[in-house]
C-alpha atoms as a PDB file:
ATOM      1  CA  MET A   1      31.895  -6.599 -57.035  1.00  0.00           C
ATOM      2  CA  ILE A   2      31.313  -8.680 -59.645  1.00  0.00           C
ATOM      3  CA  GLN A   3      33.193 -12.358 -59.106  1.00  0.00           C
ATOM      4  CA  ALA A   4      31.982 -14.537 -61.600  1.00  0.00           C
ATOM      5  CA  ILE A   5      31.294 -13.719 -65.580  1.00  0.00           C
ATOM      6  CA  VAL A   6      27.998 -15.960 -67.440  1.00  0.00           C
ATOM      7  CA  THR A   7      28.332 -15.821 -70.954  1.00  0.00           C
ATOM      8  CA  ASP A   8      25.681 -16.647 -74.004  1.00  0.00           C
ATOM      9  CA  ILE A   9      27.177 -17.679 -77.043  1.00  0.00           C
ATOM     10  CA  GLU A  10      25.054 -16.824 -80.127  1.00  0.00           C
ATOM     11  CA  GLY A  11      25.433 -12.729 -80.848  1.00  0.00           C
ATOM     12  CA  THR A  12      27.584 -12.619 -77.540  1.00  0.00           C
ATOM     13  CA  THR A  13      30.745 -14.358 -78.001  1.00  0.00           C
ATOM     14  CA  SER A  14      30.107 -15.711 -81.480  1.00  0.00           C
ATOM     15  CA  SER A  15      28.332 -14.856 -84.455  1.00  0.00           C
ATOM     16  CA  ILE A  16      24.574 -15.776 -84.613  1.00  0.00           C
ATOM     17  CA  ASP A  17      25.371 -16.187 -88.608  1.00  0.00           C
ATOM     18  CA  PHE A  18      27.641 -18.766 -87.744  1.00  0.00           C
ATOM     19  CA  VAL A  19      25.156 -20.777 -85.848  1.00  0.00           C
ATOM     20  CA  HIS A  20      22.349 -20.416 -88.578  1.00  0.00           C
ATOM     21  CA  GLN A  21      24.758 -20.449 -91.788  1.00  0.00           C
ATOM     22  CA  THR A  22      27.167 -22.897 -90.908  1.00  0.00           C
ATOM     23  CA  LEU A  23      26.354 -25.180 -87.805  1.00  0.00           C
ATOM     24  CA  PHE A  24      22.603 -25.632 -88.411  1.00  0.00           C
ATOM     25  CA  PRO A  25      22.754 -26.534 -92.267  1.00  0.00           C
ATOM     26  CA  TYR A  26      26.103 -29.048 -91.116  1.00  0.00           C
ATOM     27  CA  ALA A  27      23.664 -31.010 -89.018  1.00  0.00           C
ATOM     28  CA  LYS A  28      20.455 -30.817 -90.841  1.00  0.00           C
ATOM     29  CA  ALA A  29      22.813 -32.512 -94.090  1.00  0.00           C
ATOM     30  CA  HIS A  30      24.610 -34.944 -91.963  1.00  0.00           C
ATOM     31  CA  LEU A  31      21.633 -35.954 -89.575  1.00  0.00           C
ATOM     32  CA  ARG A  32      19.798 -38.957 -91.447  1.00  0.00           C
ATOM     33  CA  THR A  33      23.519 -40.357 -92.221  1.00  0.00           C
ATOM     34  CA  PHE A  34      24.679 -40.253 -88.660  1.00  0.00           C
ATOM     35  CA  LEU A  35      21.036 -41.623 -87.263  1.00  0.00           C
ATOM     36  CA  ARG A  36      21.392 -44.334 -89.426  1.00  0.00           C
ATOM     37  CA  THR A  37      25.179 -45.684 -88.670  1.00  0.00           C
ATOM     38  CA  GLN A  38      24.787 -44.612 -84.862  1.00  0.00           C
ATOM     39  CA  ALA A  39      21.428 -45.471 -83.759  1.00  0.00           C
ATOM     40  CA  GLY A  40      23.442 -48.303 -81.700  1.00  0.00           C
ATOM     41  CA  ASP A  41      25.185 -46.272 -79.717  1.00  0.00           C
ATOM     42  CA  ASP A  42      24.051 -46.063 -76.462  1.00  0.00           C
ATOM     43  CA  GLU A  43      23.872 -41.946 -75.978  1.00  0.00           C
ATOM     44  CA  VAL A  44      22.567 -41.406 -79.481  1.00  0.00           C
ATOM     45  CA  ARG A  45      19.759 -43.914 -78.375  1.00  0.00           C
ATOM     46  CA  ARG A  46      18.695 -42.327 -75.408  1.00  0.00           C
ATOM     47  CA  GLN A  47      18.502 -39.259 -77.184  1.00  0.00           C
ATOM     48  CA  LEU A  48      16.172 -41.159 -79.175  1.00  0.00           C
ATOM     49  CA  ASP A  49      14.255 -42.399 -76.509  1.00  0.00           C
ATOM     50  CA  ALA A  50      13.875 -38.687 -74.889  1.00  0.00           C
ATOM     51  CA  LEU A  51      12.577 -37.358 -78.204  1.00  0.00           C
ATOM     52  CA  SER A  52       9.957 -40.453 -78.872  1.00  0.00           C
ATOM     53  CA  ARG A  53       8.569 -39.251 -75.092  1.00  0.00           C
ATOM     54  CA  GLU A  54       8.509 -35.627 -76.029  1.00  0.00           C
ATOM     55  CA  VAL A  55       6.730 -36.097 -79.145  1.00  0.00           C
ATOM     56  CA  GLY A  56       4.731 -38.943 -77.513  1.00  0.00           C
ATOM     57  CA  ARG A  57       4.762 -42.213 -79.769  1.00  0.00           C
ATOM     58  CA  ALA A  58       7.606 -44.119 -80.911  1.00  0.00           C
ATOM     59  CA  LEU A  59       9.308 -43.280 -83.343  1.00  0.00           C
ATOM     60  CA  ASP A  60      12.063 -45.340 -85.964  1.00  0.00           C
ATOM     61  CA  VAL A  61      15.147 -43.307 -87.253  1.00  0.00           C
ATOM     62  CA  GLU A  62      13.508 -42.047 -90.239  1.00  0.00           C
ATOM     63  CA  ALA A  63      10.385 -40.579 -88.515  1.00  0.00           C
ATOM     64  CA  ALA A  64      12.760 -39.240 -85.773  1.00  0.00           C
ATOM     65  CA  ALA A  65      15.007 -37.455 -88.623  1.00  0.00           C
ATOM     66  CA  ASP A  66      11.709 -36.118 -90.027  1.00  0.00           C
ATOM     67  CA  VAL A  67      10.743 -34.484 -86.350  1.00  0.00           C
ATOM     68  CA  LEU A  68      14.386 -33.387 -86.086  1.00  0.00           C
ATOM     69  CA  GLU A  69      14.758 -31.728 -89.343  1.00  0.00           C
ATOM     70  CA  GLN A  70      11.332 -29.928 -88.804  1.00  0.00           C
ATOM     71  CA  TRP A  71      12.769 -28.875 -85.562  1.00  0.00           C
ATOM     72  CA  ILE A  72      16.070 -27.532 -86.965  1.00  0.00           C
ATOM     73  CA  ALA A  73      13.851 -25.453 -89.329  1.00  0.00           C
ATOM     74  CA  GLU A  74      11.697 -24.093 -86.252  1.00  0.00           C
ATOM     75  CA  ASP A  75      15.100 -23.512 -84.314  1.00  0.00           C
ATOM     76  CA  ARG A  76      13.694 -25.552 -81.553  1.00  0.00           C
ATOM     77  CA  LYS A  77      15.162 -25.364 -78.049  1.00  0.00           C
ATOM     78  CA  ALA A  78      14.670 -29.294 -77.220  1.00  0.00           C
ATOM     79  CA  THR A  79      17.440 -31.148 -75.454  1.00  0.00           C
ATOM     80  CA  PRO A  80      17.657 -34.323 -77.509  1.00  0.00           C
ATOM     81  CA  LEU A  81      17.957 -32.436 -80.647  1.00  0.00           C
ATOM     82  CA  LYS A  82      20.445 -30.026 -79.285  1.00  0.00           C
ATOM     83  CA  ALA A  83      21.773 -32.950 -77.687  1.00  0.00           C
ATOM     84  CA  LEU A  84      22.047 -34.937 -81.133  1.00  0.00           C
ATOM     85  CA  GLN A  85      23.102 -31.653 -83.115  1.00  0.00           C
ATOM     86  CA  GLY A  86      26.273 -31.624 -80.449  1.00  0.00           C
ATOM     87  CA  MET A  87      27.309 -35.419 -81.506  1.00  0.00           C
ATOM     88  CA  ILE A  88      27.425 -34.292 -85.230  1.00  0.00           C
ATOM     89  CA  TRP A  89      29.042 -31.220 -85.280  1.00  0.00           C
ATOM     90  CA  ARG A  90      31.689 -32.854 -83.382  1.00  0.00           C
ATOM     91  CA  VAL A  91      32.290 -35.351 -86.393  1.00  0.00           C
ATOM     92  CA  GLY A  92      32.506 -32.300 -88.421  1.00  0.00           C
ATOM     93  CA  TYR A  93      35.056 -30.449 -86.133  1.00  0.00           C
ATOM     94  CA  GLU A  94      37.209 -33.856 -85.666  1.00  0.00           C
ATOM     95  CA  ARG A  95      37.068 -33.968 -89.531  1.00  0.00           C
ATOM     96  CA  GLY A  96      38.121 -30.221 -89.741  1.00  0.00           C
ATOM     97  CA  GLU A  97      35.392 -29.381 -91.655  1.00  0.00           C
ATOM     98  CA  LEU A  98      33.863 -27.153 -89.221  1.00  0.00           C
ATOM     99  CA  LYS A  99      35.620 -24.349 -87.081  1.00  0.00           C
ATOM    100  CA  GLY A 100      34.067 -22.704 -83.871  1.00  0.00           C
ATOM    101  CA  HIS A 101      33.852 -19.221 -84.587  1.00  0.00           C
ATOM    102  CA  VAL A 102      34.406 -16.495 -82.091  1.00  0.00           C
ATOM    103  CA  TYR A 103      34.503 -12.589 -82.548  1.00  0.00           C
ATOM    104  CA  PRO A 104      37.827 -11.213 -82.230  1.00  0.00           C
ATOM    105  CA  ASP A 105      37.674  -9.806 -79.149  1.00  0.00           C
ATOM    106  CA  THR A 106      36.318 -12.684 -77.189  1.00  0.00           C
ATOM    107  CA  PRO A 107      39.267 -15.005 -76.805  1.00  0.00           C
ATOM    108  CA  ASP A 108      41.337 -11.604 -75.435  1.00  0.00           C
ATOM    109  CA  TYR A 109      38.914 -10.550 -72.789  1.00  0.00           C
ATOM    110  CA  LEU A 110      38.421 -14.182 -71.859  1.00  0.00           C
ATOM    111  CA  ARG A 111      41.622 -14.305 -71.217  1.00  0.00           C
ATOM    112  CA  ARG A 112      42.010 -11.025 -69.287  1.00  0.00           C
ATOM    113  CA  TRP A 113      39.032 -11.904 -67.114  1.00  0.00           C
ATOM    114  CA  HIS A 114      40.394 -15.208 -66.467  1.00  0.00           C
ATOM    115  CA  ALA A 115      43.899 -13.908 -65.466  1.00  0.00           C
ATOM    116  CA  GLN A 116      41.975 -11.456 -63.086  1.00  0.00           C
ATOM    117  CA  GLY A 117      40.678 -14.013 -61.271  1.00  0.00           C
ATOM    118  CA  LEU A 118      36.865 -13.998 -62.720  1.00  0.00           C
ATOM    119  CA  LYS A 119      35.294 -17.209 -62.795  1.00  0.00           C
ATOM    120  CA  LEU A 120      33.769 -17.925 -66.453  1.00  0.00           C
ATOM    121  CA  TYR A 121      30.728 -19.875 -67.375  1.00  0.00           C
ATOM    122  CA  VAL A 122      28.474 -20.274 -70.414  1.00  0.00           C
ATOM    123  CA  TYR A 123      24.922 -20.485 -69.982  1.00  0.00           C
ATOM    124  CA  SER A 124      23.153 -21.503 -73.961  1.00  0.00           C
ATOM    125  CA  SER A 125      20.697 -23.242 -75.281  1.00  0.00           C
ATOM    126  CA  GLY A 126      23.220 -25.599 -77.386  1.00  0.00           C
ATOM    127  CA  SER A 127      24.020 -28.915 -75.698  1.00  0.00           C
ATOM    128  CA  VAL A 128      27.032 -28.476 -73.536  1.00  0.00           C
ATOM    129  CA  GLU A 129      29.300 -30.620 -75.489  1.00  0.00           C
ATOM    130  CA  ALA A 130      28.362 -27.839 -78.576  1.00  0.00           C
ATOM    131  CA  GLN A 131      29.707 -25.846 -76.385  1.00  0.00           C
ATOM    132  CA  GLN A 132      32.648 -26.960 -76.120  1.00  0.00           C
ATOM    133  CA  LEU A 133      33.244 -27.916 -79.700  1.00  0.00           C
ATOM    134  CA  ILE A 134      32.726 -23.643 -80.437  1.00  0.00           C
ATOM    135  CA  PHE A 135      35.631 -23.289 -78.226  1.00  0.00           C
ATOM    136  CA  GLY A 136      37.768 -25.837 -78.344  1.00  0.00           C
ATOM    137  CA  HIS A 137      38.232 -25.663 -81.845  1.00  0.00           C
ATOM    138  CA  THR A 138      38.646 -22.079 -82.408  1.00  0.00           C
ATOM    139  CA  ALA A 139      40.990 -19.948 -84.610  1.00  0.00           C
ATOM    140  CA  TYR A 140      42.772 -18.748 -81.696  1.00  0.00           C
ATOM    141  CA  GLY A 141      43.436 -21.892 -80.506  1.00  0.00           C
ATOM    142  CA  ASP A 142      41.431 -23.919 -77.652  1.00  0.00           C
ATOM    143  CA  LEU A 143      39.995 -21.771 -74.872  1.00  0.00           C
ATOM    144  CA  THR A 144      37.784 -24.535 -72.743  1.00  0.00           C
ATOM    145  CA  PRO A 145      40.540 -24.232 -70.378  1.00  0.00           C
ATOM    146  CA  LEU A 146      39.135 -20.519 -69.292  1.00  0.00           C
ATOM    147  CA  PHE A 147      35.884 -21.669 -68.009  1.00  0.00           C
ATOM    148  CA  SER A 148      35.072 -23.255 -65.043  1.00  0.00           C
ATOM    149  CA  GLY A 149      31.054 -24.474 -66.410  1.00  0.00           C
ATOM    150  CA  TYR A 150      28.746 -25.075 -68.770  1.00  0.00           C
ATOM    151  CA  PHE A 151      24.748 -24.809 -68.612  1.00  0.00           C
ATOM    152  CA  ASP A 152      22.462 -25.993 -71.164  1.00  0.00           C
ATOM    153  CA  THR A 153      18.790 -26.340 -71.145  1.00  0.00           C
ATOM    154  CA  ARG A 154      19.014 -29.130 -68.643  1.00  0.00           C
ATOM    155  CA  ILE A 155      19.176 -26.522 -66.342  1.00  0.00           C
ATOM    156  CA  GLY A 156      16.085 -24.485 -67.513  1.00  0.00           C
ATOM    157  CA  GLY A 157      15.058 -22.522 -70.407  1.00  0.00           C
ATOM    158  CA  LYS A 158      17.038 -19.403 -70.539  1.00  0.00           C
ATOM    159  CA  ARG A 159      13.911 -16.932 -70.275  1.00  0.00           C
ATOM    160  CA  GLU A 160      12.977 -18.741 -67.140  1.00  0.00           C
ATOM    161  CA  THR A 161      13.985 -16.736 -63.697  1.00  0.00           C
ATOM    162  CA  ALA A 162      14.548 -20.216 -61.660  1.00  0.00           C
ATOM    163  CA  SER A 163      17.621 -20.938 -64.241  1.00  0.00           C
ATOM    164  CA  TYR A 164      19.590 -18.245 -63.422  1.00  0.00           C
ATOM    165  CA  ALA A 165      18.987 -19.153 -59.626  1.00  0.00           C
ATOM    166  CA  ALA A 166      19.897 -22.566 -60.162  1.00  0.00           C
ATOM    167  CA  ILE A 167      23.190 -21.516 -61.931  1.00  0.00           C
ATOM    168  CA  ALA A 168      23.830 -18.997 -59.250  1.00  0.00           C
ATOM    169  CA  ALA A 169      23.480 -21.876 -56.306  1.00  0.00           C
ATOM    170  CA  GLN A 170      25.572 -24.180 -58.443  1.00  0.00           C
ATOM    171  CA  THR A 171      28.286 -22.153 -59.413  1.00  0.00           C
ATOM    172  CA  GLY A 172      28.298 -21.248 -55.406  1.00  0.00           C
ATOM    173  CA  PHE A 173      28.208 -17.692 -55.930  1.00  0.00           C
ATOM    174  CA  ALA A 174      25.613 -14.800 -54.642  1.00  0.00           C
ATOM    175  CA  PRO A 175      23.427 -13.958 -57.568  1.00  0.00           C
ATOM    176  CA  GLY A 176      24.991 -10.412 -57.502  1.00  0.00           C
ATOM    177  CA  ALA A 177      28.484 -11.574 -57.924  1.00  0.00           C
ATOM    178  CA  LEU A 178      27.445 -12.698 -60.917  1.00  0.00           C
ATOM    179  CA  LEU A 179      27.346 -10.778 -64.296  1.00  0.00           C
ATOM    180  CA  PHE A 180      25.098 -12.335 -67.348  1.00  0.00           C
ATOM    181  CA  LEU A 181      26.206 -11.272 -70.529  1.00  0.00           C
ATOM    182  CA  SER A 182      23.548 -11.917 -73.868  1.00  0.00           C
ATOM    183  CA  ASP A 183      22.260 -10.273 -76.765  1.00  0.00           C
ATOM    184  CA  ILE A 184      18.762 -11.172 -75.684  1.00  0.00           C
ATOM    185  CA  GLY A 185      16.690  -9.088 -73.410  1.00  0.00           C
ATOM    186  CA  GLU A 186      14.069 -11.294 -71.988  1.00  0.00           C
ATOM    187  CA  GLU A 187      17.035 -13.259 -70.954  1.00  0.00           C
ATOM    188  CA  LEU A 188      18.754 -10.692 -69.405  1.00  0.00           C
ATOM    189  CA  ASP A 189      15.350  -9.775 -67.312  1.00  0.00           C
ATOM    190  CA  ALA A 190      15.025 -13.432 -66.407  1.00  0.00           C
ATOM    191  CA  ALA A 191      18.532 -13.147 -64.752  1.00  0.00           C
ATOM    192  CA  ARG A 192      18.389  -9.782 -63.333  1.00  0.00           C
ATOM    193  CA  ALA A 193      14.966 -10.849 -61.685  1.00  0.00           C
ATOM    194  CA  ALA A 194      16.916 -13.792 -60.094  1.00  0.00           C
ATOM    195  CA  GLY A 195      19.542 -11.409 -58.990  1.00  0.00           C
ATOM    196  CA  LEU A 196      22.374 -11.397 -61.706  1.00  0.00           C
ATOM    197  CA  ALA A 197      24.140  -7.963 -62.844  1.00  0.00           C
ATOM    198  CA  THR A 198      23.380  -8.014 -66.608  1.00  0.00           C
ATOM    199  CA  CYS A 199      25.142  -6.804 -69.430  1.00  0.00           C
ATOM    200  CA  GLN A 200      23.015  -6.560 -73.271  1.00  0.00           C
ATOM    201  CA  LEU A 201      26.058  -7.387 -76.125  1.00  0.00           C
ATOM    202  CA  LEU A 202      24.747  -5.304 -79.138  1.00  0.00           C
ATOM    203  CA  ARG A 203      27.269  -6.878 -81.700  1.00  0.00           C
ATOM    204  CA  ASP A 204      24.889  -7.906 -84.651  1.00  0.00           C
ATOM    205  CA  ALA A 205      22.202  -6.210 -86.343  1.00  0.00           C
ATOM    206  CA  GLN A 206      19.370  -8.354 -84.858  1.00  0.00           C
ATOM    207  CA  ALA A 207      20.073  -7.476 -81.970  1.00  0.00           C
ATOM    208  CA  ARG A 208      17.339  -5.579 -79.819  1.00  0.00           C
ATOM    209  CA  PRO A 209      18.501  -2.878 -77.671  1.00  0.00           C
ATOM    210  CA  PHE A 210      16.677  -3.087 -74.265  1.00  0.00           C
ATOM    211  CA  PRO A 211      17.425   0.148 -72.364  1.00  0.00           C
ATOM    212  CA  ALA A 212      16.448  -1.281 -69.094  1.00  0.00           C
ATOM    213  CA  HIS A 213      19.616  -3.347 -69.357  1.00  0.00           C
ATOM    214  CA  ARG A 214      23.765  -1.750 -69.205  1.00  0.00           C
ATOM    215  CA  ALA A 215      24.922  -2.209 -73.036  1.00  0.00           C
ATOM    216  CA  ALA A 216      28.318  -2.978 -74.688  1.00  0.00           C
ATOM    217  CA  HIS A 217      28.974  -3.239 -78.117  1.00  0.00           C
ATOM    218  CA  ASP A 218      32.377  -5.654 -77.557  1.00  0.00           C
ATOM    219  CA  PHE A 219      33.640  -6.842 -74.959  1.00  0.00           C
ATOM    220  CA  SER A 220      35.715  -4.357 -74.228  1.00  0.00           C
ATOM    221  CA  GLN A 221      32.773  -2.001 -73.057  1.00  0.00           C
ATOM    222  CA  VAL A 222      31.611  -4.812 -70.226  1.00  0.00           C
ATOM    223  CA  PRO A 223      31.098  -3.177 -66.987  1.00  0.00           C
ATOM    224  CA  LEU A 224      32.596  -5.396 -64.067  1.00  0.00           C
ATOM    225  CA  ASP A 225      31.134  -3.542 -61.638  1.00  0.00           C
ATOM    226  CA  ALA A 226      27.656  -5.081 -60.353  1.00  0.00           C
END
């Protein structure tokens, strides 16, 4: 029996277009100013140092911005980029310039599942902070109290079986008691290989059906049996 749900964000709880047409352009537009003004911040400095290590050379602020802008264009799943994007988005949410998008059925079913005693977790390539910002600033209120934990690329890539085994270990649930929701078939394949139950969300036209997994067009169709 399913005891916990691990959900992706893009194309699952929230629109892919929100991320690519709102969040990414906002981060890119504010990136250089943010780095110039916040480069002395300890956490920003740590991420810039990590970026330099990843590219294999020392980067000043302008060179770092060049690399990060290119990675934004490529939608690179790199932890330093995701962390810095999250910091920029936090400013946007705090200023009221951003509002986290979720599908209308998302808050309803998250609350239902939570009330039923299911533990809820997020696993996204976006940083944990970015995840919390999306769910903390929705038109339906703050949804973060519904979640028991968040996972990002620090636990591993989303198409790597070991990532899902690590999530199961950290949550304390047997893999078969976890249901993973995503619109990406390769992620579902990796989760199933780790022993998790899976369901593909087919909300957006961009979603490519993987018939090997059960499918749902919204959360009302998600099966809660293992």
